[in-house]
Amino acid sequence: MADNTAKNMAKIAYEVLEDKKAVDITIIDISEVTVLADYFLIASGTNHNQVQALADNVEEKLGKAGYAMRQSEGYRTANWILMDYGDIIVHIFDSENRLFYDLERIWRDGRTITKEELE
């Protein structure tokens, strides 16, 4: 079961993505499936500029809340930006790559949850 830090991080990231008009935001609780992280947040942007803007805003808000990003990949191409915060991993895709990689299918052993379950 995920701890409160992970829940708080996921909640902040979700709210930023929602506020910045990300498409189809999904939260998967993977805490019972892997030690990689407690949550995956998966979202799409409508174009490369929005994908980068979503990543910038997530990094800014989580940073202001005191959470440091461990690693980020994919920012320059903005096809799939992966942001690793340890307890949560944020995946921001363009629509084509989201369909291609289909993380929701790959991680179907995890439990898809709602934003309200992070409260």
N, C-alpha and C. Protein backbone atom coordinates (compact mmCIF):
# COMPACT_ATOMS: atom_id res chain seq x y z
N MET A 1 0.84 -1.19 0.00
CA MET A 1 0.00 0.00 0.00
C MET A 1 0.88 1.25 0.00
N ALA A 2 0.55 2.18 -0.82
CA ALA A 2 1.33 3.40 -0.98
C ALA A 2 1.25 4.27 0.28
N ASP A 3 2.34 4.99 0.55
CA ASP A 3 2.35 5.85 1.73
C ASP A 3 1.81 7.24 1.41
N ASN A 4 1.69 8.06 2.44
CA ASN A 4 1.10 9.40 2.28
C ASN A 4 1.95 10.33 1.41
N THR A 5 3.28 10.19 1.47
CA THR A 5 4.14 11.01 0.63
C THR A 5 3.84 10.75 -0.84
N ALA A 6 3.78 9.47 -1.20
CA ALA A 6 3.48 9.09 -2.59
C ALA A 6 2.11 9.60 -2.99
N LYS A 7 1.14 9.46 -2.11
CA LYS A 7 -0.22 9.94 -2.41
C LYS A 7 -0.23 11.44 -2.63
N ASN A 8 0.47 12.17 -1.78
CA ASN A 8 0.52 13.63 -1.91
C ASN A 8 1.20 14.04 -3.22
N MET A 9 2.30 13.40 -3.54
CA MET A 9 3.00 13.70 -4.78
C MET A 9 2.09 13.42 -5.98
N ALA A 10 1.42 12.28 -5.96
CA ALA A 10 0.53 11.91 -7.07
C ALA A 10 -0.62 12.89 -7.20
N LYS A 11 -1.15 13.32 -6.06
CA LYS A 11 -2.26 14.27 -6.07
C LYS A 11 -1.83 15.61 -6.68
N ILE A 12 -0.67 16.11 -6.27
CA ILE A 12 -0.16 17.38 -6.82
C ILE A 12 0.04 17.24 -8.33
N ALA A 13 0.71 16.17 -8.74
CA ALA A 13 0.98 15.97 -10.17
C ALA A 13 -0.32 15.87 -10.96
N TYR A 14 -1.29 15.13 -10.42
CA TYR A 14 -2.58 14.99 -11.11
C TYR A 14 -3.24 16.35 -11.28
N GLU A 15 -3.26 17.14 -10.21
CA GLU A 15 -3.92 18.45 -10.26
C GLU A 15 -3.25 19.38 -11.27
N VAL A 16 -1.92 19.32 -11.35
CA VAL A 16 -1.20 20.13 -12.33
C VAL A 16 -1.58 19.70 -13.75
N LEU A 17 -1.55 18.39 -13.99
CA LEU A 17 -1.89 17.88 -15.32
C LEU A 17 -3.32 18.27 -15.70
N GLU A 18 -4.22 18.13 -14.74
CA GLU A 18 -5.63 18.48 -14.98
C GLU A 18 -5.77 19.98 -15.26
N ASP A 19 -5.09 20.78 -14.45
CA ASP A 19 -5.16 22.23 -14.58
C ASP A 19 -4.62 22.71 -15.94
N LYS A 20 -3.61 22.02 -16.43
CA LYS A 20 -2.97 22.41 -17.69
C LYS A 20 -3.58 21.67 -18.89
N LYS A 21 -4.74 21.08 -18.69
CA LYS A 21 -5.52 20.49 -19.79
C LYS A 21 -4.89 19.26 -20.44
N ALA A 22 -4.20 18.44 -19.63
CA ALA A 22 -3.71 17.16 -20.16
C ALA A 22 -4.91 16.30 -20.54
N VAL A 23 -4.69 15.41 -21.48
CA VAL A 23 -5.75 14.55 -21.99
C VAL A 23 -5.66 13.18 -21.33
N ASP A 24 -6.81 12.65 -20.91
CA ASP A 24 -6.92 11.26 -20.45
C ASP A 24 -5.90 10.91 -19.37
N ILE A 25 -5.99 11.57 -18.23
CA ILE A 25 -5.06 11.33 -17.12
C ILE A 25 -5.46 10.04 -16.40
N THR A 26 -4.50 9.15 -16.25
CA THR A 26 -4.74 7.87 -15.59
C THR A 26 -3.76 7.73 -14.44
N ILE A 27 -4.25 7.21 -13.31
CA ILE A 27 -3.39 6.92 -12.16
C ILE A 27 -3.44 5.41 -11.95
N ILE A 28 -2.27 4.78 -11.92
CA ILE A 28 -2.21 3.35 -11.65
C ILE A 28 -1.41 3.13 -10.37
N ASP A 29 -2.04 2.48 -9.40
CA ASP A 29 -1.37 2.11 -8.16
C ASP A 29 -0.59 0.83 -8.45
N ILE A 30 0.73 0.93 -8.48
CA ILE A 30 1.57 -0.22 -8.79
C ILE A 30 2.33 -0.71 -7.55
N SER A 31 1.93 -0.21 -6.37
CA SER A 31 2.67 -0.52 -5.14
C SER A 31 2.65 -2.00 -4.79
N GLU A 32 1.61 -2.72 -5.22
CA GLU A 32 1.52 -4.15 -4.91
C GLU A 32 2.18 -5.00 -6.00
N VAL A 33 2.62 -4.37 -7.09
CA VAL A 33 3.10 -5.09 -8.26
C VAL A 33 4.62 -5.01 -8.42
N THR A 34 5.20 -3.88 -8.01
CA THR A 34 6.63 -3.64 -8.23
C THR A 34 7.19 -2.73 -7.15
N VAL A 35 8.50 -2.74 -7.03
CA VAL A 35 9.17 -1.82 -6.10
C VAL A 35 9.65 -0.56 -6.83
N LEU A 36 9.38 -0.46 -8.13
CA LEU A 36 9.79 0.71 -8.92
C LEU A 36 9.25 2.01 -8.34
N ALA A 37 7.98 2.00 -7.99
CA ALA A 37 7.29 3.20 -7.50
C ALA A 37 5.96 2.76 -6.93
N ASP A 38 5.24 3.72 -6.32
CA ASP A 38 3.89 3.43 -5.83
C ASP A 38 2.83 3.75 -6.87
N TYR A 39 3.07 4.81 -7.64
CA TYR A 39 2.07 5.24 -8.64
C TYR A 39 2.72 5.58 -9.96
N PHE A 40 2.01 5.26 -11.02
CA PHE A 40 2.28 5.79 -12.35
C PHE A 40 1.18 6.79 -12.65
N LEU A 41 1.53 7.95 -13.12
CA LEU A 41 0.55 8.88 -13.69
C LEU A 41 0.84 8.94 -15.17
N ILE A 42 -0.18 8.72 -15.97
CA ILE A 42 -0.04 8.71 -17.42
C ILE A 42 -1.00 9.74 -17.99
N ALA A 43 -0.47 10.60 -18.85
CA ALA A 43 -1.30 11.64 -19.45
C ALA A 43 -0.79 11.92 -20.86
N SER A 44 -1.62 12.60 -21.64
CA SER A 44 -1.23 12.97 -23.00
C SER A 44 -1.36 14.47 -23.18
N GLY A 45 -0.50 14.97 -24.06
CA GLY A 45 -0.62 16.34 -24.53
C GLY A 45 -1.05 16.31 -25.99
N THR A 46 -1.60 17.40 -26.47
CA THR A 46 -2.12 17.44 -27.83
C THR A 46 -1.04 17.74 -28.86
N ASN A 47 0.11 18.27 -28.41
CA ASN A 47 1.24 18.53 -29.31
C ASN A 47 2.52 18.58 -28.47
N HIS A 48 3.67 18.64 -29.14
CA HIS A 48 4.94 18.59 -28.42
C HIS A 48 5.12 19.75 -27.45
N ASN A 49 4.66 20.94 -27.82
CA ASN A 49 4.78 22.09 -26.91
C ASN A 49 3.98 21.86 -25.64
N GLN A 50 2.77 21.31 -25.78
CA GLN A 50 1.97 21.05 -24.58
C GLN A 50 2.59 19.94 -23.74
N VAL A 51 3.13 18.91 -24.38
CA VAL A 51 3.79 17.83 -23.63
C VAL A 51 4.92 18.42 -22.78
N GLN A 52 5.73 19.28 -23.37
CA GLN A 52 6.82 19.90 -22.61
C GLN A 52 6.29 20.84 -21.53
N ALA A 53 5.25 21.59 -21.83
CA ALA A 53 4.67 22.50 -20.83
C ALA A 53 4.10 21.72 -19.65
N LEU A 54 3.46 20.59 -19.92
CA LEU A 54 2.94 19.76 -18.83
C LEU A 54 4.08 19.29 -17.94
N ALA A 55 5.16 18.82 -18.55
CA ALA A 55 6.32 18.37 -17.77
C ALA A 55 6.92 19.52 -16.96
N ASP A 56 7.05 20.69 -17.58
CA ASP A 56 7.59 21.85 -16.87
C ASP A 56 6.76 22.19 -15.65
N ASN A 57 5.45 22.17 -15.81
CA ASN A 57 4.56 22.53 -14.70
C ASN A 57 4.56 21.49 -13.60
N VAL A 58 4.62 20.22 -13.95
CA VAL A 58 4.71 19.17 -12.92
C VAL A 58 6.00 19.35 -12.13
N GLU A 59 7.11 19.56 -12.84
CA GLU A 59 8.39 19.73 -12.16
C GLU A 59 8.37 20.96 -11.24
N GLU A 60 7.81 22.05 -11.73
CA GLU A 60 7.75 23.28 -10.92
C GLU A 60 6.93 23.08 -9.65
N LYS A 61 5.72 22.52 -9.78
CA LYS A 61 4.83 22.39 -8.61
C LYS A 61 5.35 21.36 -7.61
N LEU A 62 5.86 20.22 -8.11
CA LEU A 62 6.41 19.24 -7.18
C LEU A 62 7.67 19.78 -6.51
N GLY A 63 8.47 20.55 -7.26
CA GLY A 63 9.66 21.17 -6.67
C GLY A 63 9.31 22.15 -5.57
N LYS A 64 8.28 22.98 -5.81
CA LYS A 64 7.83 23.94 -4.79
C LYS A 64 7.29 23.23 -3.56
N ALA A 65 6.76 22.01 -3.75
CA ALA A 65 6.24 21.23 -2.61
C ALA A 65 7.37 20.46 -1.91
N GLY A 66 8.60 20.59 -2.42
CA GLY A 66 9.73 19.96 -1.77
C GLY A 66 10.12 18.60 -2.31
N TYR A 67 9.59 18.23 -3.46
CA TYR A 67 9.90 16.92 -4.04
C TYR A 67 10.86 17.09 -5.22
N ALA A 68 12.00 16.44 -5.13
CA ALA A 68 13.01 16.55 -6.17
C ALA A 68 12.87 15.41 -7.18
N MET A 69 13.01 15.75 -8.45
CA MET A 69 12.97 14.74 -9.49
C MET A 69 14.30 14.02 -9.52
N ARG A 70 14.26 12.69 -9.57
CA ARG A 70 15.49 11.90 -9.64
C ARG A 70 16.06 11.89 -11.04
N GLN A 71 15.17 11.74 -12.02
CA GLN A 71 15.62 11.61 -13.40
C GLN A 71 14.48 11.95 -14.34
N SER A 72 14.85 12.46 -15.50
CA SER A 72 13.86 12.75 -16.53
C SER A 72 14.44 12.33 -17.87
N GLU A 73 13.59 11.81 -18.73
CA GLU A 73 14.03 11.43 -20.07
C GLU A 73 12.97 11.83 -21.08
N GLY A 74 13.42 12.15 -22.28
CA GLY A 74 12.51 12.38 -23.39
C GLY A 74 12.03 13.80 -23.58
N TYR A 75 12.56 14.74 -22.79
CA TYR A 75 12.04 16.11 -22.87
C TYR A 75 12.27 16.74 -24.24
N ARG A 76 13.46 16.57 -24.78
CA ARG A 76 13.82 17.23 -26.03
C ARG A 76 12.90 16.82 -27.18
N THR A 77 12.64 15.52 -27.31
CA THR A 77 11.78 15.06 -28.41
C THR A 77 10.30 15.21 -28.10
N ALA A 78 9.95 15.17 -26.81
CA ALA A 78 8.57 15.36 -26.33
C ALA A 78 7.58 14.36 -26.91
N ASN A 79 8.07 13.17 -27.27
CA ASN A 79 7.15 12.08 -27.67
C ASN A 79 6.63 11.37 -26.43
N TRP A 80 7.53 11.17 -25.46
CA TRP A 80 7.22 10.51 -24.21
C TRP A 80 8.20 11.05 -23.19
N ILE A 81 7.71 11.85 -22.26
CA ILE A 81 8.57 12.36 -21.19
C ILE A 81 8.30 11.52 -19.95
N LEU A 82 9.37 10.95 -19.42
CA LEU A 82 9.29 10.16 -18.20
C LEU A 82 9.93 10.97 -17.10
N MET A 83 9.21 11.16 -16.00
CA MET A 83 9.70 11.93 -14.86
C MET A 83 9.67 11.03 -13.63
N ASP A 84 10.85 10.69 -13.12
CA ASP A 84 10.96 9.76 -12.00
C ASP A 84 11.16 10.54 -10.71
N TYR A 85 10.18 10.41 -9.82
CA TYR A 85 10.25 11.04 -8.50
C TYR A 85 10.42 10.01 -7.39
N GLY A 86 10.80 8.80 -7.76
CA GLY A 86 10.99 7.75 -6.76
C GLY A 86 9.68 7.08 -6.41
N ASP A 87 8.84 7.79 -5.64
CA ASP A 87 7.56 7.21 -5.22
C ASP A 87 6.50 7.24 -6.33
N ILE A 88 6.66 8.19 -7.24
CA ILE A 88 5.74 8.25 -8.38
C ILE A 88 6.57 8.42 -9.66
N ILE A 89 6.02 7.94 -10.76
CA ILE A 89 6.62 8.16 -12.06
C ILE A 89 5.54 8.75 -12.95
N VAL A 90 5.86 9.90 -13.53
CA VAL A 90 4.91 10.61 -14.40
C VAL A 90 5.32 10.36 -15.84
N HIS A 91 4.37 9.89 -16.64
CA HIS A 91 4.59 9.65 -18.07
C HIS A 91 3.69 10.61 -18.83
N ILE A 92 4.30 11.46 -19.66
CA ILE A 92 3.52 12.39 -20.47
C ILE A 92 3.83 12.08 -21.94
N PHE A 93 2.81 11.71 -22.66
CA PHE A 93 2.96 11.25 -24.05
C PHE A 93 2.33 12.23 -25.03
N ASP A 94 2.78 12.14 -26.29
CA ASP A 94 1.94 12.63 -27.36
C ASP A 94 0.96 11.49 -27.66
N SER A 95 -0.14 11.77 -28.37
CA SER A 95 -1.19 10.76 -28.51
C SER A 95 -0.73 9.52 -29.26
N GLU A 96 0.10 9.68 -30.27
CA GLU A 96 0.56 8.54 -31.06
C GLU A 96 1.39 7.57 -30.23
N ASN A 97 2.33 8.09 -29.47
CA ASN A 97 3.20 7.24 -28.66
C ASN A 97 2.46 6.61 -27.49
N ARG A 98 1.47 7.31 -26.97
CA ARG A 98 0.69 6.70 -25.88
C ARG A 98 -0.03 5.46 -26.38
N LEU A 99 -0.60 5.53 -27.55
CA LEU A 99 -1.27 4.36 -28.12
C LEU A 99 -0.26 3.25 -28.40
N PHE A 100 0.90 3.62 -28.92
CA PHE A 100 1.91 2.63 -29.28
C PHE A 100 2.44 1.89 -28.05
N TYR A 101 2.80 2.61 -27.01
CA TYR A 101 3.41 1.97 -25.83
C TYR A 101 2.38 1.37 -24.88
N ASP A 102 1.18 1.91 -24.83
CA ASP A 102 0.05 1.35 -24.09
C ASP A 102 0.43 0.87 -22.68
N LEU A 103 0.94 1.79 -21.88
CA LEU A 103 1.36 1.43 -20.51
C LEU A 103 0.22 0.89 -19.67
N GLU A 104 -1.00 1.37 -19.94
CA GLU A 104 -2.14 0.86 -19.16
C GLU A 104 -2.29 -0.65 -19.35
N ARG A 105 -2.03 -1.13 -20.55
CA ARG A 105 -2.13 -2.58 -20.79
C ARG A 105 -0.95 -3.30 -20.14
N ILE A 106 0.24 -2.76 -20.32
CA ILE A 106 1.44 -3.39 -19.76
C ILE A 106 1.36 -3.50 -18.24
N TRP A 107 0.80 -2.46 -17.60
CA TRP A 107 0.72 -2.43 -16.14
C TRP A 107 -0.69 -2.75 -15.63
N ARG A 108 -1.40 -3.57 -16.36
CA ARG A 108 -2.78 -3.90 -15.97
C ARG A 108 -2.86 -4.66 -14.65
N ASP A 109 -1.76 -5.23 -14.17
CA ASP A 109 -1.76 -5.88 -12.86
C ASP A 109 -1.85 -4.85 -11.74
N GLY A 110 -1.52 -3.61 -12.05
CA GLY A 110 -1.71 -2.52 -11.09
C GLY A 110 -3.19 -2.18 -11.04
N ARG A 111 -3.55 -1.32 -10.11
CA ARG A 111 -4.96 -0.95 -9.93
C ARG A 111 -5.16 0.50 -10.36
N THR A 112 -6.00 0.70 -11.36
CA THR A 112 -6.33 2.06 -11.78
C THR A 112 -7.22 2.68 -10.71
N ILE A 113 -6.82 3.88 -10.27
CA ILE A 113 -7.56 4.55 -9.21
C ILE A 113 -8.01 5.91 -9.66
N THR A 114 -8.90 6.52 -8.89
CA THR A 114 -9.38 7.87 -9.18
C THR A 114 -8.59 8.88 -8.35
N LYS A 115 -8.68 10.13 -8.75
CA LYS A 115 -8.04 11.20 -7.99
C LYS A 115 -8.55 11.23 -6.55
N GLU A 116 -9.83 10.95 -6.37
CA GLU A 116 -10.43 10.98 -5.03
C GLU A 116 -9.80 9.94 -4.10
N GLU A 117 -9.30 8.84 -4.66
CA GLU A 117 -8.66 7.82 -3.82
C GLU A 117 -7.31 8.28 -3.28
N LEU A 118 -6.80 9.39 -3.77
CA LEU A 118 -5.54 9.94 -3.26
C LEU A 118 -5.75 10.83 -2.05
N GLU A 119 -7.02 11.15 -1.77
CA GLU A 119 -7.32 12.05 -0.64
C GLU A 119 -6.97 11.41 0.68
